[in-house]
């Protein structure tokens, strides 16, 4: 069976590359029989041909685009924009597009960022910024990328990364919102909004999983902070209703736990309140904190009833208070 796969792999690798991978190629890649034929890491520095004419370089670039090596056209486009000022803008645009076609998204981001920084105000800066965001989207959607790296770029795309400050304009340009704010009437607005929505959904699901992880650790404050990230985005995030329901559920659960030291020890309570672990709690203190937490849960229930009256999550939320009675 393995020989059959290897023969198929050899046939596929020998074929001329196209813009898309077939289903069989993707399966063979995922099984480890072949390297991905369309993911090519392009060299950062390509040689510059100072002798070729402008026409010769354009002809060579177009010929290279039809070849297997998807990085090769960058060599000719770089020679064009270095040697021939009249071809600079179109050659640089195609230079960036070459990296996108090769799926070397990091190179595409770097070169697009350089163009945006060095040539602010040119009428093609909008399109170059779009190419930058397509590279961000491509980096996110590479399914074999490890989860941490994938979520790192999702955070960049949403402007949620701590490293994104006014001192890091290259990272700020990776935000979809930065493009939409700068070009509100862009003909590519809907495309960027689609990318933004995809990232938001991925980020929302990831944050929800993080919140649940902290719940398992009985770290309610951190879990509530995670849920709040989703709630601030509102119904635009697919997991919004689920997150709101769980916010209610775990507020009621915490309210219930607070009323009994056998359920929530002084050590855990002090950790929750971020105070000296030697402090002994009183029953009055626990009851007061329990009632405050329960009232927060009720407030969320009212919010859910008002905004999501027909949601099945709302119907479930209405039954939660009785499931976690004050002891």
Protein backbone atom coordinates (compact mmCIF):
# COMPACT_ATOMS: atom_id res chain seq x y z
CA UNK A 1 0.00 0.00 0.00
CA UNK A 2 2.83 2.32 0.90
CA UNK A 3 4.41 1.71 -2.53
CA UNK A 4 1.20 2.81 -4.19
CA UNK A 5 1.24 6.05 -2.22
CA UNK A 6 4.89 6.67 -3.10
CA UNK A 7 4.25 6.12 -6.81
CA UNK A 8 1.32 8.53 -6.69
CA UNK A 9 3.49 11.02 -4.81
CA UNK A 10 6.20 10.86 -7.48
CA UNK A 11 3.62 11.45 -10.22
CA UNK A 12 2.12 14.42 -8.40
CA UNK A 13 5.45 16.05 -7.63
CA UNK A 14 6.50 15.72 -11.25
CA UNK A 15 3.41 17.58 -12.45
CA UNK A 16 3.61 21.28 -13.20
CA UNK A 17 2.48 23.28 -10.17
CA UNK A 18 -0.82 25.12 -10.31
CA UNK A 19 -2.35 27.70 -7.99
CA UNK A 20 -4.25 25.06 -6.00
CA UNK A 21 -3.52 21.72 -4.46
CA UNK A 22 -5.68 18.72 -5.26
CA UNK A 23 -7.42 16.77 -2.52
CA UNK A 24 -5.09 13.81 -3.08
CA UNK A 25 -2.01 16.01 -2.83
CA UNK A 26 -3.25 17.46 0.42
CA UNK A 27 -3.90 13.96 1.85
CA UNK A 28 -0.43 12.78 0.82
CA UNK A 29 1.09 15.86 2.42
CA UNK A 30 -0.82 15.37 5.67
CA UNK A 31 0.31 11.71 5.77
CA UNK A 32 3.91 12.79 5.33
CA UNK A 33 4.53 11.11 1.96
CA UNK A 34 5.34 14.33 0.12
CA UNK A 35 6.45 17.82 0.98
CA UNK A 36 3.88 20.46 0.22
CA UNK A 37 4.62 21.41 -3.42
CA UNK A 38 3.16 24.89 -3.10
CA UNK A 39 4.71 26.11 0.13
CA UNK A 40 8.06 27.52 -0.86
CA UNK A 41 10.28 29.60 1.37
CA UNK A 42 11.80 32.16 -0.97
CA UNK A 43 15.33 33.52 -0.54
CA UNK A 44 15.44 36.91 1.17
CA UNK A 45 18.07 38.24 -1.21
CA UNK A 46 17.92 37.46 -4.91
CA UNK A 47 20.61 38.35 -7.42
CA UNK A 48 20.04 41.43 -9.54
CA UNK A 49 20.57 41.26 -13.29
CA UNK A 50 22.10 44.59 -14.29
CA UNK A 51 22.62 43.60 -17.93
CA UNK A 52 19.17 42.51 -19.10
CA UNK A 53 16.90 45.06 -20.76
CA UNK A 54 13.56 46.04 -19.28
CA UNK A 55 11.68 44.04 -21.94
CA UNK A 56 13.87 40.97 -21.36
CA UNK A 57 13.22 41.05 -17.61
CA UNK A 58 9.45 41.32 -18.09
CA UNK A 59 9.52 38.39 -20.53
CA UNK A 60 11.63 36.29 -18.15
CA UNK A 61 9.31 37.08 -15.24
CA UNK A 62 6.20 36.02 -17.16
CA UNK A 63 7.90 32.81 -18.27
CA UNK A 64 8.97 32.07 -14.68
CA UNK A 65 5.42 32.54 -13.44
CA UNK A 66 4.38 29.50 -15.47
CA UNK A 67 7.14 27.36 -13.99
CA UNK A 68 7.31 25.09 -10.95
CA UNK A 69 9.54 27.36 -8.85
CA UNK A 70 7.04 29.93 -7.63
CA UNK A 71 9.80 32.04 -6.06
CA UNK A 72 11.73 32.48 -9.33
CA UNK A 73 9.73 35.45 -10.71
CA UNK A 74 10.82 37.53 -7.69
CA UNK A 75 14.36 37.55 -9.07
CA UNK A 76 13.26 39.29 -12.27
CA UNK A 77 10.80 41.65 -10.60
CA UNK A 78 13.49 42.75 -8.15
CA UNK A 79 15.87 43.43 -11.03
CA UNK A 80 13.13 45.46 -12.71
CA UNK A 81 12.32 47.71 -9.76
CA UNK A 82 16.00 48.24 -8.95
CA UNK A 83 17.12 49.04 -12.50
CA UNK A 84 14.11 50.62 -14.18
CA UNK A 85 12.25 53.40 -12.30
CA UNK A 86 9.39 53.42 -14.82
CA UNK A 87 8.62 49.81 -13.89
CA UNK A 88 9.15 50.28 -10.16
CA UNK A 89 5.58 50.28 -8.90
CA UNK A 90 4.19 47.51 -11.06
CA UNK A 91 7.30 45.35 -10.59
CA UNK A 92 7.20 45.77 -6.82
CA UNK A 93 3.51 44.88 -6.75
CA UNK A 94 4.21 41.71 -8.72
CA UNK A 95 7.23 41.06 -6.49
CA UNK A 96 4.90 40.89 -3.47
CA UNK A 97 2.32 38.86 -5.39
CA UNK A 98 5.05 36.34 -6.18
CA UNK A 99 5.52 35.61 -2.47
CA UNK A 100 1.77 35.25 -2.05
CA UNK A 101 1.66 32.74 -4.93
CA UNK A 102 4.54 30.82 -3.35
CA UNK A 103 2.69 31.00 -0.02
CA UNK A 104 5.74 32.55 1.62
CA UNK A 105 3.46 34.83 3.58
CA UNK A 106 6.14 36.21 5.90
CA UNK A 107 8.14 37.55 2.96
CA UNK A 108 4.96 39.01 1.47
CA UNK A 109 4.20 40.80 4.76
CA UNK A 110 7.74 42.14 5.10
CA UNK A 111 7.94 43.50 1.55
CA UNK A 112 4.43 44.97 1.62
CA UNK A 113 5.20 46.69 4.90
CA UNK A 114 8.38 48.14 3.42
CA UNK A 115 6.45 49.54 0.46
CA UNK A 116 3.73 51.03 2.64
CA UNK A 117 6.32 52.67 4.91
CA UNK A 118 8.56 54.04 2.15
CA UNK A 119 5.84 55.18 -0.27
CA UNK A 120 3.07 56.61 1.86
CA UNK A 121 0.32 58.37 -0.04
CA UNK A 122 0.82 56.67 -3.40
CA UNK A 123 -2.47 55.68 -5.01
CA UNK A 124 -1.47 52.02 -5.04
CA UNK A 125 -0.68 51.88 -1.29
CA UNK A 126 -4.23 50.70 -0.67
CA UNK A 127 -3.78 47.66 -2.91
CA UNK A 128 -0.36 46.89 -1.38
CA UNK A 129 -1.95 47.03 2.07
CA UNK A 130 -4.59 44.59 0.81
CA UNK A 131 -1.80 42.22 -0.29
CA UNK A 132 -0.32 42.53 3.19
CA UNK A 133 -3.63 41.49 4.75
CA UNK A 134 -4.04 38.62 2.31
CA UNK A 135 -0.64 37.41 3.51
CA UNK A 136 -1.81 37.64 7.14
CA UNK A 137 -4.95 35.70 6.24
CA UNK A 138 -2.87 33.09 4.41
CA UNK A 139 -0.55 32.65 7.38
CA UNK A 140 -3.54 32.11 9.66
CA UNK A 141 -5.22 29.57 7.41
CA UNK A 142 -2.29 27.24 6.83
CA UNK A 143 -3.84 24.20 8.50
CA UNK A 144 -0.54 22.55 9.39
CA UNK A 145 0.63 25.61 11.32
CA UNK A 146 0.91 24.97 15.02
CA UNK A 147 -1.94 26.38 17.10
CA UNK A 148 0.14 28.89 19.06
CA UNK A 149 1.59 30.45 15.92
CA UNK A 150 -1.80 30.50 14.25
CA UNK A 151 -3.39 32.29 17.21
CA UNK A 152 -0.45 34.71 17.33
CA UNK A 153 -1.33 35.94 13.85
CA UNK A 154 -5.05 35.94 14.64
CA UNK A 155 -4.23 38.29 17.52
CA UNK A 156 -2.12 40.48 15.21
CA UNK A 157 -4.97 40.65 12.69
CA UNK A 158 -7.37 41.87 15.40
CA UNK A 159 -4.96 44.30 17.06
CA UNK A 160 -5.06 42.17 20.21
CA UNK A 161 -1.33 41.46 20.50
CA UNK A 162 0.58 43.21 23.30
CA UNK A 163 3.48 43.87 20.92
CA UNK A 164 1.29 46.10 18.74
CA UNK A 165 2.05 49.64 19.86
CA UNK A 166 2.59 52.99 18.16
CA UNK A 167 6.30 52.15 18.22
CA UNK A 168 5.73 49.10 16.00
CA UNK A 169 4.01 50.39 12.82
CA UNK A 170 4.81 47.19 10.91
CA UNK A 171 2.79 45.17 13.43
CA UNK A 172 0.02 47.78 13.51
CA UNK A 173 -0.39 47.40 9.73
CA UNK A 174 -1.29 43.72 10.22
CA UNK A 175 -4.69 44.70 11.65
CA UNK A 176 -7.71 44.40 9.40
CA UNK A 177 -9.28 47.34 11.22
CA UNK A 178 -6.31 49.56 10.34
CA UNK A 179 -7.09 49.05 6.64
CA UNK A 180 -10.83 49.62 7.09
CA UNK A 181 -10.24 52.82 9.07
CA UNK A 182 -7.78 54.16 6.50
CA UNK A 183 -9.81 53.17 3.42
CA UNK A 184 -13.49 53.23 4.46
CA UNK A 185 -14.70 53.33 0.83
CA UNK A 186 -12.30 50.68 -0.46
CA UNK A 187 -13.57 48.40 -3.25
CA UNK A 188 -11.98 45.55 -1.23
CA UNK A 189 -13.85 46.47 1.96
CA UNK A 190 -16.07 43.36 1.93
CA UNK A 191 -13.08 41.08 1.40
CA UNK A 192 -11.30 42.56 4.42
CA UNK A 193 -14.49 42.42 6.49
CA UNK A 194 -14.68 38.72 5.66
CA UNK A 195 -11.10 38.19 6.87
CA UNK A 196 -11.89 40.17 10.01
CA UNK A 197 -14.93 38.03 10.74
CA UNK A 198 -12.97 34.79 10.24
CA UNK A 199 -10.28 35.93 12.68
CA UNK A 200 -12.84 37.11 15.19
CA UNK A 201 -14.58 33.71 15.16
CA UNK A 202 -11.29 31.85 15.60
CA UNK A 203 -10.19 34.16 18.40
CA UNK A 204 -13.57 33.89 20.13
CA UNK A 205 -13.44 30.08 20.14
CA UNK A 206 -9.89 30.14 21.45
CA UNK A 207 -10.74 32.58 24.24
CA UNK A 208 -13.77 30.47 25.21
CA UNK A 209 -11.54 27.41 25.54
CA UNK A 210 -9.09 29.42 27.66
CA UNK A 211 -11.94 30.54 29.93
CA UNK A 212 -13.03 26.94 30.42
CA UNK A 213 -9.48 25.94 31.27
CA UNK A 214 -9.37 28.53 34.06
CA UNK A 215 -12.77 27.34 35.33
CA UNK A 216 -11.32 23.84 35.69
CA UNK A 217 -8.55 25.37 37.81
CA UNK A 218 -11.17 27.20 39.90
CA UNK A 219 -9.57 30.48 38.80
CA UNK A 220 -12.87 32.31 38.39
CA UNK A 221 -11.50 35.89 38.11
CA UNK A 222 -9.28 35.04 35.13
CA UNK A 223 -12.05 32.98 33.53
CA UNK A 224 -14.48 35.90 33.86
CA UNK A 225 -11.94 38.21 32.21
CA UNK A 226 -11.76 35.81 29.26
CA UNK A 227 -15.55 35.61 28.97
CA UNK A 228 -15.70 39.41 29.03
CA UNK A 229 -13.49 39.62 25.94
CA UNK A 230 -16.18 37.71 24.01
CA UNK A 231 -19.08 39.62 25.57
CA UNK A 232 -17.55 42.96 24.54
CA UNK A 233 -17.65 41.85 20.89
CA UNK A 234 -21.30 40.93 21.16
CA UNK A 235 -23.36 38.67 18.87
CA UNK A 236 -20.94 39.20 15.97
CA UNK A 237 -18.95 36.35 17.55
CA UNK A 238 -20.53 32.95 17.02
CA UNK A 239 -19.79 31.77 20.58
CA UNK A 240 -21.30 34.90 22.18
CA UNK A 241 -24.50 33.26 23.47
CA UNK A 242 -22.60 30.26 24.78
CA UNK A 243 -20.08 32.50 26.55
CA UNK A 244 -22.84 34.60 28.12
CA UNK A 245 -24.60 31.44 29.36
CA UNK A 246 -21.38 30.13 30.91
CA UNK A 247 -20.69 33.52 32.50
CA UNK A 248 -24.08 33.22 34.22
CA UNK A 249 -23.57 29.57 35.14
CA UNK A 250 -20.18 30.09 36.79
CA UNK A 251 -21.29 33.21 38.65
CA UNK A 252 -24.10 31.13 40.18
CA UNK A 253 -21.66 28.28 40.82
CA UNK A 254 -19.20 30.58 42.57
CA UNK A 255 -22.01 32.11 44.62
CA UNK A 256 -22.94 28.60 45.74
CA UNK A 257 -19.35 27.60 46.54
CA UNK A 258 -18.74 30.71 48.62
CA UNK A 259 -21.36 29.72 51.21
CA UNK A 260 -19.60 26.57 52.35
CA UNK A 261 -15.96 26.21 53.46
CA UNK A 262 -16.01 22.53 52.52
CA UNK A 263 -16.73 23.58 48.91
CA UNK A 264 -14.34 26.52 48.77
CA UNK A 265 -11.58 26.59 51.36
CA UNK A 266 -10.16 29.74 52.93
CA UNK A 267 -6.98 29.11 50.93
CA UNK A 268 -8.91 29.10 47.63
CA UNK A 269 -11.00 32.08 48.70
CA UNK A 270 -7.92 34.10 49.62
CA UNK A 271 -6.37 33.19 46.31
CA UNK A 272 -9.55 34.36 44.61
CA UNK A 273 -9.47 37.66 46.56
CA UNK A 274 -5.69 38.00 46.10
CA UNK A 275 -5.02 38.45 49.80
CA UNK A 276 -2.85 36.88 52.52
CA UNK A 277 -3.39 33.12 52.60
CA UNK A 278 -3.33 33.14 56.39
CA UNK A 279 -6.51 35.24 56.56
CA UNK A 280 -9.52 33.42 57.99
CA UNK A 281 -12.86 34.26 56.38
CA UNK A 282 -16.07 34.87 58.31
CA UNK A 283 -19.44 33.47 57.34
CA UNK A 284 -20.79 37.03 57.01
CA UNK A 285 -18.06 37.89 54.56
CA UNK A 286 -18.75 34.80 52.49
CA UNK A 287 -22.49 35.46 52.41
CA UNK A 288 -21.96 39.08 51.32
CA UNK A 289 -19.57 38.08 48.55
CA UNK A 290 -21.91 35.25 47.54
CA UNK A 291 -24.87 37.63 47.21
CA UNK A 292 -22.80 40.11 45.17
CA UNK A 293 -21.75 37.33 42.81
CA UNK A 294 -25.31 36.01 42.55
CA UNK A 295 -26.61 39.49 41.72
CA UNK A 296 -24.07 39.79 38.92
CA UNK A 297 -25.39 36.51 37.53
CA UNK A 298 -28.97 37.83 37.71
CA UNK A 299 -27.91 40.98 35.85
CA UNK A 300 -26.48 38.85 33.05
CA UNK A 301 -29.73 36.84 32.96
CA UNK A 302 -31.73 40.06 32.50
CA UNK A 303 -29.36 41.11 29.73
CA UNK A 304 -29.88 37.76 28.03
CA UNK A 305 -33.68 37.95 28.36
CA UNK A 306 -33.75 41.44 26.87
CA UNK A 307 -31.38 40.83 23.96
CA UNK A 308 -31.82 37.11 23.22
CA UNK A 309 -35.41 36.26 24.19
CA UNK A 310 -35.74 33.39 21.72
CA UNK A 311 -32.33 31.81 22.22
CA UNK A 312 -32.21 28.25 23.59
CA UNK A 313 -29.30 29.43 25.75
CA UNK A 314 -31.63 31.94 27.41
CA UNK A 315 -34.14 29.20 28.25
CA UNK A 316 -31.34 27.19 29.87
CA UNK A 317 -30.00 30.23 31.74
CA UNK A 318 -33.37 30.83 33.41
CA UNK A 319 -33.05 27.47 35.19
CA UNK A 320 -29.56 28.03 36.58
CA UNK A 321 -30.30 29.90 39.82
CA UNK A 322 -32.35 27.03 41.22
CA UNK A 323 -29.56 24.61 40.34
CA UNK A 324 -27.12 26.47 42.61
CA UNK A 325 -29.05 27.32 45.80
CA UNK A 326 -27.59 29.31 48.70
CA UNK A 327 -26.71 26.79 51.42
